[in-house]
């Protein structure tokens, strides 16, 4: 038998015992014991390199060959690299996809028996030339995970007693199955470690993000201002933001923002938005110019397709008035009104970070009397669903707030969330939920 390509379907692979049945009893016993030893190594060795090295030593001894090498596919580059070898000092071998015998086997899933490498079109002699080693014959079999995905190749080189046989090839495939289990186990362990690392970093990220928001509950403000707010992330971190900032003893700025999307991407943009707003609101008194500048900064920082809606207001106790910008945000709800004046908080500009030319921001202004309240929220409130799939906004946000008779902002917030939580109990959250109620006492 010279050079041979062997392709085996998963359902037709012969058992290790049947493969060895035609060998002399002493050799058959040795090889079976070697397979058992390799299996035990899976449970005894502490890491992938130890397991592969033990398997390669057994391969080299049982097949009486000069060298044995395990090649693994690098997930980042797609190249094969010699992860472990036996029978020689460590040599760095990296193969491009499909290059060399190992590259061919790892790409096609075919097993190769080559007793004359010089005549085989897949053989790459560059490693021999670099190291001075002379390859005469070899076996090479694929490493596959339980789902059949190719992970690399296992190779035995230069049988000392002459040529390799078909029985040798099948025997090497048995070792490859054990090596594949070791590789799969290592990958699962690495994935579990990465998942734990990500979870830990998300906890840290959530802590950092929460420091950018006021603590949930009543916001500490000087009289006559009062506010209560909370923000609940749908996942570990969220894309909603809110804040209340005193500008002067008589003026207070506040906002609720909602970044498009959810999760880590939205959280990064929320961090930028919150930081920029805190700086701009103190430096720029004109809300239209403030929104325009914020829009530019968000466009510069946001990934393509991401934007944020924003309701930004400045409440004056001295003038008992409210100036605001509504950049594509859900209109807020007026509570405890002290005047018959109609107050509609229609959108007065595009969402920040949303590239629409010729759409200037327009500042709105209304009177704001003592005892009045304004409730601002994200669409995680309006689009909250119950277990029947009904949206909360279908109940009417204005009507729901009208049923709350309390004047204290803390009581308003708590009463509202009692109703909201009662509506969505048992249903999974689909978006971040933010709510802020503010007023003059």
Protein backbone atom coordinates (compact mmCIF):
# COMPACT_ATOMS: atom_id res chain seq x y z
CA UNK A 1 0.00 0.00 0.00
CA UNK A 2 1.56 3.28 -1.14
CA UNK A 3 -0.45 6.50 -1.02
CA UNK A 4 -4.12 6.34 -0.08
CA UNK A 5 -6.96 8.72 0.66
CA UNK A 6 -9.48 7.36 3.13
CA UNK A 7 -12.87 9.04 3.66
CA UNK A 8 -15.09 7.53 6.31
CA UNK A 9 -18.68 8.41 7.09
CA UNK A 10 -19.41 8.80 10.77
CA UNK A 11 -21.86 5.89 10.76
CA UNK A 12 -19.32 3.49 9.16
CA UNK A 13 -16.36 4.03 11.46
CA UNK A 14 -15.15 0.65 12.70
CA UNK A 15 -14.64 0.17 16.40
CA UNK A 16 -11.11 0.16 17.78
CA UNK A 17 -11.49 -3.48 18.81
CA UNK A 18 -12.49 -4.58 15.30
CA UNK A 19 -9.66 -2.56 13.76
CA UNK A 20 -7.11 -4.43 15.85
CA UNK A 21 -8.68 -7.87 15.52
CA UNK A 22 -6.30 -9.06 12.79
CA UNK A 23 -3.13 -8.14 14.67
CA UNK A 24 -1.09 -10.58 16.75
CA UNK A 25 -2.43 -10.90 20.29
CA UNK A 26 0.48 -9.14 21.99
CA UNK A 27 0.38 -6.13 19.64
CA UNK A 28 -3.42 -5.96 19.80
CA UNK A 29 -3.27 -5.96 23.61
CA UNK A 30 -0.62 -3.23 23.65
CA UNK A 31 -2.64 -0.99 21.36
CA UNK A 32 -5.85 -1.50 23.28
CA UNK A 33 -4.03 -0.70 26.50
CA UNK A 34 -2.62 2.43 24.87
CA UNK A 35 -6.12 3.59 23.93
CA UNK A 36 -7.30 2.97 27.48
CA UNK A 37 -4.31 4.92 28.81
CA UNK A 38 -5.10 7.78 26.46
CA UNK A 39 -8.72 7.76 27.65
CA UNK A 40 -7.60 7.89 31.26
CA UNK A 41 -5.33 10.81 30.42
CA UNK A 42 -8.42 12.85 29.52
CA UNK A 43 -9.54 12.63 33.14
CA UNK A 44 -6.13 12.84 34.74
CA UNK A 45 -4.28 15.60 32.85
CA UNK A 46 -4.89 19.19 33.86
CA UNK A 47 -4.67 20.94 30.50
CA UNK A 48 -4.91 20.47 26.75
CA UNK A 49 -1.16 20.48 26.15
CA UNK A 50 -0.60 17.73 28.72
CA UNK A 51 -3.34 15.59 27.16
CA UNK A 52 -2.09 16.07 23.59
CA UNK A 53 1.49 15.34 24.61
CA UNK A 54 0.46 12.11 26.33
CA UNK A 55 -1.57 11.02 23.28
CA UNK A 56 1.30 11.80 20.90
CA UNK A 57 3.77 9.81 23.00
CA UNK A 58 1.41 6.83 22.87
CA UNK A 59 0.93 7.23 19.11
CA UNK A 60 4.66 7.35 18.53
CA UNK A 61 5.23 4.25 20.63
CA UNK A 62 2.34 2.15 19.27
CA UNK A 63 2.86 3.04 15.60
CA UNK A 64 6.66 2.85 15.99
CA UNK A 65 7.15 6.18 14.21
CA UNK A 66 9.76 8.89 14.56
CA UNK A 67 7.42 11.81 15.11
CA UNK A 68 3.81 12.64 15.96
CA UNK A 69 2.25 16.10 15.78
CA UNK A 70 -1.10 17.65 16.67
CA UNK A 71 -2.16 20.61 14.51
CA UNK A 72 -4.96 22.94 15.61
CA UNK A 73 -6.84 25.61 13.69
CA UNK A 74 -6.32 29.15 15.01
CA UNK A 75 -9.72 30.83 15.28
CA UNK A 76 -8.38 34.33 14.56
CA UNK A 77 -6.25 33.65 11.48
CA UNK A 78 -7.69 30.36 10.17
CA UNK A 79 -4.13 28.98 9.98
CA UNK A 80 -2.93 25.65 11.35
CA UNK A 81 -0.26 25.60 13.99
CA UNK A 82 1.62 22.70 15.55
CA UNK A 83 0.22 22.79 19.09
CA UNK A 84 2.19 19.78 20.36
CA UNK A 85 4.73 17.33 18.92
CA UNK A 86 6.60 14.23 20.07
CA UNK A 87 9.92 12.87 18.81
CA UNK A 88 11.67 16.18 18.19
CA UNK A 89 12.50 19.47 19.82
CA UNK A 90 9.72 22.01 19.63
CA UNK A 91 9.54 23.45 16.09
CA UNK A 92 7.25 26.34 15.18
CA UNK A 93 5.11 25.18 12.26
CA UNK A 94 2.35 27.42 10.92
CA UNK A 95 0.46 26.45 7.76
CA UNK A 96 -1.86 28.56 5.66
CA UNK A 97 -5.29 27.08 4.96
CA UNK A 98 -5.00 24.05 2.67
CA UNK A 99 -1.17 24.06 2.61
CA UNK A 100 0.67 20.79 3.19
CA UNK A 101 -0.74 17.43 4.10
CA UNK A 102 -2.04 18.61 7.47
CA UNK A 103 -3.63 21.67 5.83
CA UNK A 104 -5.37 19.50 3.25
CA UNK A 105 -6.68 17.06 5.84
CA UNK A 106 -7.85 19.81 8.20
CA UNK A 107 -9.73 21.44 5.30
CA UNK A 108 -11.32 18.37 3.70
CA UNK A 109 -11.77 15.97 6.60
CA UNK A 110 -10.09 13.18 4.58
CA UNK A 111 -7.60 10.80 6.16
CA UNK A 112 -4.34 10.28 4.24
CA UNK A 113 -1.94 7.33 4.23
CA UNK A 114 1.20 8.36 2.32
CA UNK A 115 4.09 5.90 2.05
CA UNK A 116 5.97 8.01 -0.50
CA UNK A 117 5.67 11.70 0.36
CA UNK A 118 7.86 12.74 -2.58
CA UNK A 119 5.12 11.63 -4.98
CA UNK A 120 2.22 13.19 -3.09
CA UNK A 121 0.95 16.56 -4.41
CA UNK A 122 -0.11 17.70 -0.94
CA UNK A 123 3.29 17.31 0.70
CA UNK A 124 5.09 20.58 1.56
CA UNK A 125 8.83 20.11 2.03
CA UNK A 126 9.51 23.58 3.46
CA UNK A 127 9.60 22.36 7.08
CA UNK A 128 12.05 19.56 6.17
CA UNK A 129 14.30 22.09 4.44
CA UNK A 130 14.14 24.42 7.41
CA UNK A 131 14.87 21.75 10.05
CA UNK A 132 17.01 19.22 8.16
CA UNK A 133 14.51 16.45 8.93
CA UNK A 134 13.69 13.94 6.15
CA UNK A 135 10.05 12.87 5.88
CA UNK A 136 9.59 9.51 4.12
CA UNK A 137 6.04 8.47 4.90
CA UNK A 138 3.16 9.62 7.07
CA UNK A 139 -0.37 9.21 8.32
CA UNK A 140 -2.62 12.24 8.77
CA UNK A 141 -6.19 12.22 10.11
CA UNK A 142 -8.61 15.05 10.90
CA UNK A 143 -9.65 16.26 14.33
CA UNK A 144 -13.42 16.77 14.48
CA UNK A 145 -15.69 17.92 17.27
CA UNK A 146 -18.86 15.93 18.09
CA UNK A 147 -20.80 18.00 15.53
CA UNK A 148 -18.34 17.12 12.78
CA UNK A 149 -16.67 20.54 12.60
CA UNK A 150 -12.98 20.33 11.63
CA UNK A 151 -10.56 21.59 14.30
CA UNK A 152 -7.17 20.40 13.04
CA UNK A 153 -5.20 17.26 12.24
CA UNK A 154 -3.18 14.51 13.91
CA UNK A 155 -0.05 13.31 12.11
CA UNK A 156 2.38 10.38 12.47
CA UNK A 157 5.65 10.51 10.49
CA UNK A 158 8.24 7.90 9.39
CA UNK A 159 7.35 4.39 10.50
CA UNK A 160 10.58 2.74 11.60
CA UNK A 161 9.57 -0.74 10.47
CA UNK A 162 8.83 0.25 6.87
CA UNK A 163 5.43 1.37 5.61
CA UNK A 164 2.25 2.40 7.39
CA UNK A 165 -0.84 0.21 6.89
CA UNK A 166 -4.59 0.83 6.70
CA UNK A 167 -4.86 -0.63 10.19
CA UNK A 168 -2.36 1.98 11.41
CA UNK A 169 -4.47 4.72 9.84
CA UNK A 170 -7.66 3.54 11.53
CA UNK A 171 -5.81 3.21 14.81
CA UNK A 172 -4.59 6.81 14.51
CA UNK A 173 -8.19 7.88 13.88
CA UNK A 174 -9.10 6.36 17.25
CA UNK A 175 -6.46 8.52 18.91
CA UNK A 176 -7.71 11.53 16.93
CA UNK A 177 -11.17 11.02 18.41
CA UNK A 178 -9.69 11.20 21.91
CA UNK A 179 -7.60 14.26 21.01
CA UNK A 180 -10.70 15.96 19.57
CA UNK A 181 -12.50 15.40 22.87
CA UNK A 182 -9.60 17.06 24.68
CA UNK A 183 -9.64 20.02 22.30
CA UNK A 184 -13.42 20.37 22.59
CA UNK A 185 -13.21 20.25 26.37
CA UNK A 186 -10.50 22.92 26.40
CA UNK A 187 -12.55 25.15 24.12
CA UNK A 188 -15.62 24.76 26.32
CA UNK A 189 -13.53 25.61 29.37
CA UNK A 190 -12.17 28.71 27.62
CA UNK A 191 -15.69 29.74 26.60
CA UNK A 192 -16.87 29.29 30.18
CA UNK A 193 -13.94 31.39 31.40
CA UNK A 194 -14.66 34.11 28.84
CA UNK A 195 -18.33 34.08 29.79
CA UNK A 196 -17.40 34.50 33.46
CA UNK A 197 -14.96 37.27 32.56
CA UNK A 198 -17.61 39.06 30.50
CA UNK A 199 -20.11 38.68 33.33
CA UNK A 200 -17.60 40.17 35.78
CA UNK A 201 -16.82 43.06 33.45
CA UNK A 202 -20.51 43.70 32.89
CA UNK A 203 -20.99 43.97 36.65
CA UNK A 204 -18.17 46.54 36.74
CA UNK A 205 -19.64 48.35 33.72
CA UNK A 206 -23.04 48.43 35.36
CA UNK A 207 -21.51 49.91 38.50
CA UNK A 208 -19.76 52.61 36.45
CA UNK A 209 -22.93 53.34 34.52
CA UNK A 210 -25.02 53.62 37.67
CA UNK A 211 -22.59 56.23 39.00
CA UNK A 212 -23.46 58.34 35.97
CA UNK A 213 -27.11 58.34 37.02
CA UNK A 214 -28.71 59.77 40.15
CA UNK A 215 -29.51 57.10 42.76
CA UNK A 216 -33.01 55.72 42.26
CA UNK A 217 -35.56 57.56 44.35
CA UNK A 218 -35.96 61.13 45.43
CA UNK A 219 -33.29 63.48 44.08
CA UNK A 220 -31.69 65.83 46.59
CA UNK A 221 -32.52 69.36 45.43
CA UNK A 222 -32.88 72.76 47.13
CA UNK A 223 -36.40 74.13 47.63
CA UNK A 224 -38.63 74.72 45.80
CA UNK A 225 -37.42 72.07 43.34
CA UNK A 226 -38.34 68.41 43.84
CA UNK A 227 -37.74 65.34 41.68
CA UNK A 228 -37.96 61.55 41.83
CA UNK A 229 -36.46 59.19 39.24
CA UNK A 230 -35.30 55.69 38.43
CA UNK A 231 -33.78 53.79 35.52
CA UNK A 232 -34.00 50.01 35.09
CA UNK A 233 -31.75 48.38 32.47
CA UNK A 234 -33.27 45.60 30.40
CA UNK A 235 -29.93 43.74 30.43
CA UNK A 236 -26.79 44.12 32.57
CA UNK A 237 -26.21 47.61 31.19
CA UNK A 238 -28.64 49.94 29.46
CA UNK A 239 -29.02 52.79 27.02
CA UNK A 240 -31.33 55.08 29.02
CA UNK A 241 -30.11 58.14 30.89
CA UNK A 242 -31.64 60.78 33.13
CA UNK A 243 -30.36 63.49 35.41
CA UNK A 244 -31.27 66.63 37.32
CA UNK A 245 -28.66 69.41 37.57
CA UNK A 246 -28.88 72.74 39.40
CA UNK A 247 -27.64 75.55 37.15
CA UNK A 248 -28.28 78.44 39.54
CA UNK A 249 -30.21 78.68 42.82
CA UNK A 250 -33.28 79.50 40.70
CA UNK A 251 -32.77 77.24 37.67
CA UNK A 252 -32.70 73.47 37.34
CA UNK A 253 -31.92 71.44 34.18
CA UNK A 254 -33.26 67.90 33.74
CA UNK A 255 -33.45 65.32 30.97
CA UNK A 256 -34.39 61.80 29.96
CA UNK A 257 -32.57 60.21 27.00
CA UNK A 258 -33.11 56.90 25.26
CA UNK A 259 -30.35 55.45 23.06
CA UNK A 260 -31.49 53.26 20.16
CA UNK A 261 -30.87 49.57 20.77
CA UNK A 262 -30.04 47.84 24.02
CA UNK A 263 -27.10 46.24 25.79
CA UNK A 264 -23.40 47.12 25.65
CA UNK A 265 -23.47 49.22 22.46
CA UNK A 266 -26.30 51.39 23.76
CA UNK A 267 -24.57 51.66 27.14
CA UNK A 268 -21.37 53.05 25.58
CA UNK A 269 -23.31 55.73 23.72
CA UNK A 270 -25.37 56.49 26.83
CA UNK A 271 -22.12 57.13 28.74
CA UNK A 272 -20.97 59.59 26.07
CA UNK A 273 -24.34 61.30 25.96
CA UNK A 274 -24.59 61.69 29.73
CA UNK A 275 -21.06 63.06 30.03
CA UNK A 276 -21.48 65.53 27.18
CA UNK A 277 -24.86 66.74 28.46
CA UNK A 278 -23.53 67.42 31.93
CA UNK A 279 -20.81 69.61 30.45
CA UNK A 280 -22.91 71.38 27.81
CA UNK A 281 -25.87 72.21 30.04
CA UNK A 282 -23.66 74.35 32.27
CA UNK A 283 -21.88 76.13 29.40
CA UNK A 284 -24.67 76.78 26.92
CA UNK A 285 -27.84 78.65 27.93
CA UNK A 286 -29.48 78.48 24.50
CA UNK A 287 -31.11 75.05 24.36
CA UNK A 288 -31.28 74.99 20.56
CA UNK A 289 -27.54 75.61 20.25
CA UNK A 290 -26.92 73.10 23.04
CA UNK A 291 -28.90 70.40 21.21
CA UNK A 292 -27.12 71.17 17.93
CA UNK A 293 -23.69 70.84 19.56
CA UNK A 294 -24.73 67.65 21.36
CA UNK A 295 -25.95 66.26 18.05
CA UNK A 296 -22.53 66.87 16.47
CA UNK A 297 -20.71 65.17 19.33
CA UNK A 298 -23.01 62.15 19.32
CA UNK A 299 -22.63 61.78 15.53
CA UNK A 300 -18.84 61.77 16.02
CA UNK A 301 -18.99 59.14 18.76
CA UNK A 302 -21.88 56.88 17.76
CA UNK A 303 -21.57 53.82 15.50
CA UNK A 304 -23.48 54.18 12.26
CA UNK A 305 -27.21 53.73 12.74
CA UNK A 306 -27.23 54.57 16.44
CA UNK A 307 -28.91 57.69 17.85
CA UNK A 308 -30.75 58.88 20.94
CA UNK A 309 -34.06 60.58 21.65
CA UNK A 310 -33.95 63.29 24.29
CA UNK A 311 -36.29 65.45 26.33
CA UNK A 312 -34.30 68.28 27.90
CA UNK A 313 -35.85 70.95 30.09
CA UNK A 314 -34.78 73.95 32.19
CA UNK A 315 -37.14 74.83 35.01
CA UNK A 316 -37.08 78.37 36.46
CA UNK A 317 -38.46 78.89 39.96
CA UNK A 318 -38.16 82.67 39.75
CA UNK A 319 -40.12 82.99 36.49
CA UNK A 320 -42.23 79.86 37.08
CA UNK A 321 -41.52 78.71 33.55
CA UNK A 322 -40.21 75.72 31.62
CA UNK A 323 -38.03 75.85 28.52
CA UNK A 324 -37.52 72.56 26.69
CA UNK A 325 -36.26 70.69 23.64
CA UNK A 326 -37.97 67.48 22.53
CA UNK A 327 -35.54 65.67 20.22
CA UNK A 328 -37.74 62.85 18.96
CA UNK A 329 -38.67 61.71 22.47
CA UNK A 330 -41.91 60.35 23.91
CA UNK A 331 -43.98 63.41 24.99
CA UNK A 332 -44.13 63.81 28.79
CA UNK A 333 -47.31 64.08 30.87
CA UNK A 334 -48.36 67.17 32.84
CA UNK A 335 -49.67 66.58 36.38
CA UNK A 336 -51.50 68.74 38.93
CA UNK A 337 -52.00 71.51 36.39
CA UNK A 338 -52.83 74.89 37.91
CA UNK A 339 -53.90 76.57 34.68
CA UNK A 340 -56.18 75.83 31.73
CA UNK A 341 -53.32 76.57 29.33
CA UNK A 342 -52.90 73.75 26.77
CA UNK A 343 -49.40 72.30 26.86
CA UNK A 344 -48.39 69.94 24.07
CA UNK A 345 -44.80 68.71 24.10
CA UNK A 346 -44.57 67.86 20.42
CA UNK A 347 -41.27 66.87 18.88
CA UNK A 348 -39.20 69.98 18.19
CA UNK A 349 -36.21 68.39 16.46
CA UNK A 350 -34.70 65.13 15.25
CA UNK A 351 -33.11 62.58 17.59
CA UNK A 352 -29.51 63.49 18.43
CA UNK A 353 -27.02 61.60 16.28
CA UNK A 354 -29.62 61.05 13.56
CA UNK A 355 -28.22 62.62 10.37
CA UNK A 356 -31.11 64.58 8.84
CA UNK A 357 -30.11 67.83 7.08
CA UNK A 358 -32.01 71.07 7.62
CA UNK A 359 -33.79 69.97 10.80
CA UNK A 360 -33.06 72.67 13.39
CA UNK A 361 -34.03 72.30 17.02
CA UNK A 362 -36.84 74.55 18.26
CA UNK A 363 -37.16 75.59 21.90
CA UNK A 364 -40.61 75.42 23.47
CA UNK A 365 -41.70 77.35 26.58
CA UNK A 366 -44.65 77.09 28.97
CA UNK A 367 -45.56 78.49 32.36
CA UNK A 368 -44.85 76.12 35.27
CA UNK A 369 -46.73 76.95 38.47
CA UNK A 370 -45.92 75.91 42.03
CA UNK A 371 -47.42 72.50 42.81
CA UNK A 372 -47.35 71.36 39.16
CA UNK A 373 -45.46 68.25 38.12
CA UNK A 374 -44.03 66.88 34.85
CA UNK A 375 -43.50 63.15 34.25
CA UNK A 376 -40.89 62.20 31.62
CA UNK A 377 -40.19 58.60 30.63
CA UNK A 378 -38.53 56.42 28.01
CA UNK A 379 -40.39 54.18 25.57
CA UNK A 380 -39.57 51.25 27.84
CA UNK A 381 -42.56 52.53 29.80
CA UNK A 382 -44.94 53.10 26.91
CA UNK A 383 -43.98 49.84 25.19
CA UNK A 384 -43.94 47.63 28.29
CA UNK A 385 -45.99 44.49 27.65
CA UNK A 386 -47.99 42.16 29.86
CA UNK A 387 -48.12 38.38 29.47
CA UNK A 388 -50.94 38.77 26.92
CA UNK A 389 -48.74 40.96 24.69
CA UNK A 390 -50.76 44.13 25.37
CA UNK A 391 -48.72 47.35 25.51
CA UNK A 392 -48.91 49.61 28.56
CA UNK A 393 -49.47 52.74 26.47
CA UNK A 394 -52.77 51.30 25.32
CA UNK A 395 -54.08 52.09 28.78
CA UNK A 396 -53.29 55.80 28.21
CA UNK A 397 -50.41 57.38 30.10
CA UNK A 398 -52.30 60.62 30.75
CA UNK A 399 -55.30 58.72 32.14
CA UNK A 400 -53.08 56.58 34.36
CA UNK A 401 -51.36 59.65 35.80
CA UNK A 402 -54.72 61.40 36.25
CA UNK A 403 -55.70 58.65 38.68
CA UNK A 404 -52.70 59.49 40.89
CA UNK A 405 -53.92 62.11 43.37
CA UNK A 406 -50.64 62.53 45.29
CA UNK A 407 -48.75 65.83 45.03
CA UNK A 408 -45.41 64.63 46.40
CA UNK A 409 -43.04 63.53 43.61
CA UNK A 410 -41.94 60.46 45.57
CA UNK A 411 -45.52 59.32 46.03
CA UNK A 412 -46.27 59.94 42.36
CA UNK A 413 -43.27 57.85 41.28
CA UNK A 414 -44.06 54.98 43.60
CA UNK A 415 -47.77 54.95 42.70
CA UNK A 416 -46.95 54.97 39.01
CA UNK A 417 -44.55 52.04 39.33
CA UNK A 418 -47.06 50.08 41.37
CA UNK A 419 -49.42 50.34 38.42
CA UNK A 420 -46.70 49.63 35.82
CA UNK A 421 -45.28 46.63 37.69
CA UNK A 422 -48.75 45.25 38.27
CA UNK A 423 -49.41 45.46 34.52
CA UNK A 424 -46.18 43.78 33.38
CA UNK A 425 -45.80 41.23 36.18
CA UNK A 426 -44.60 37.88 34.84
CA UNK A 427 -43.60 39.32 31.45
CA UNK A 428 -39.92 39.69 30.47
CA UNK A 429 -38.56 43.20 30.00
CA UNK A 430 -37.89 44.09 26.36
CA UNK A 431 -36.42 47.56 26.83
CA UNK A 432 -34.82 49.81 29.42
CA UNK A 433 -37.31 51.61 31.65
CA UNK A 434 -36.66 55.17 32.85
CA UNK A 435 -39.02 57.53 34.65
CA UNK A 436 -38.53 61.03 36.09
CA UNK A 437 -41.10 63.29 37.73
CA UNK A 438 -40.10 66.87 38.58
CA UNK A 439 -41.86 69.96 39.87
CA UNK A 440 -41.94 73.13 41.98
CA UNK A 441 -43.23 72.90 45.56
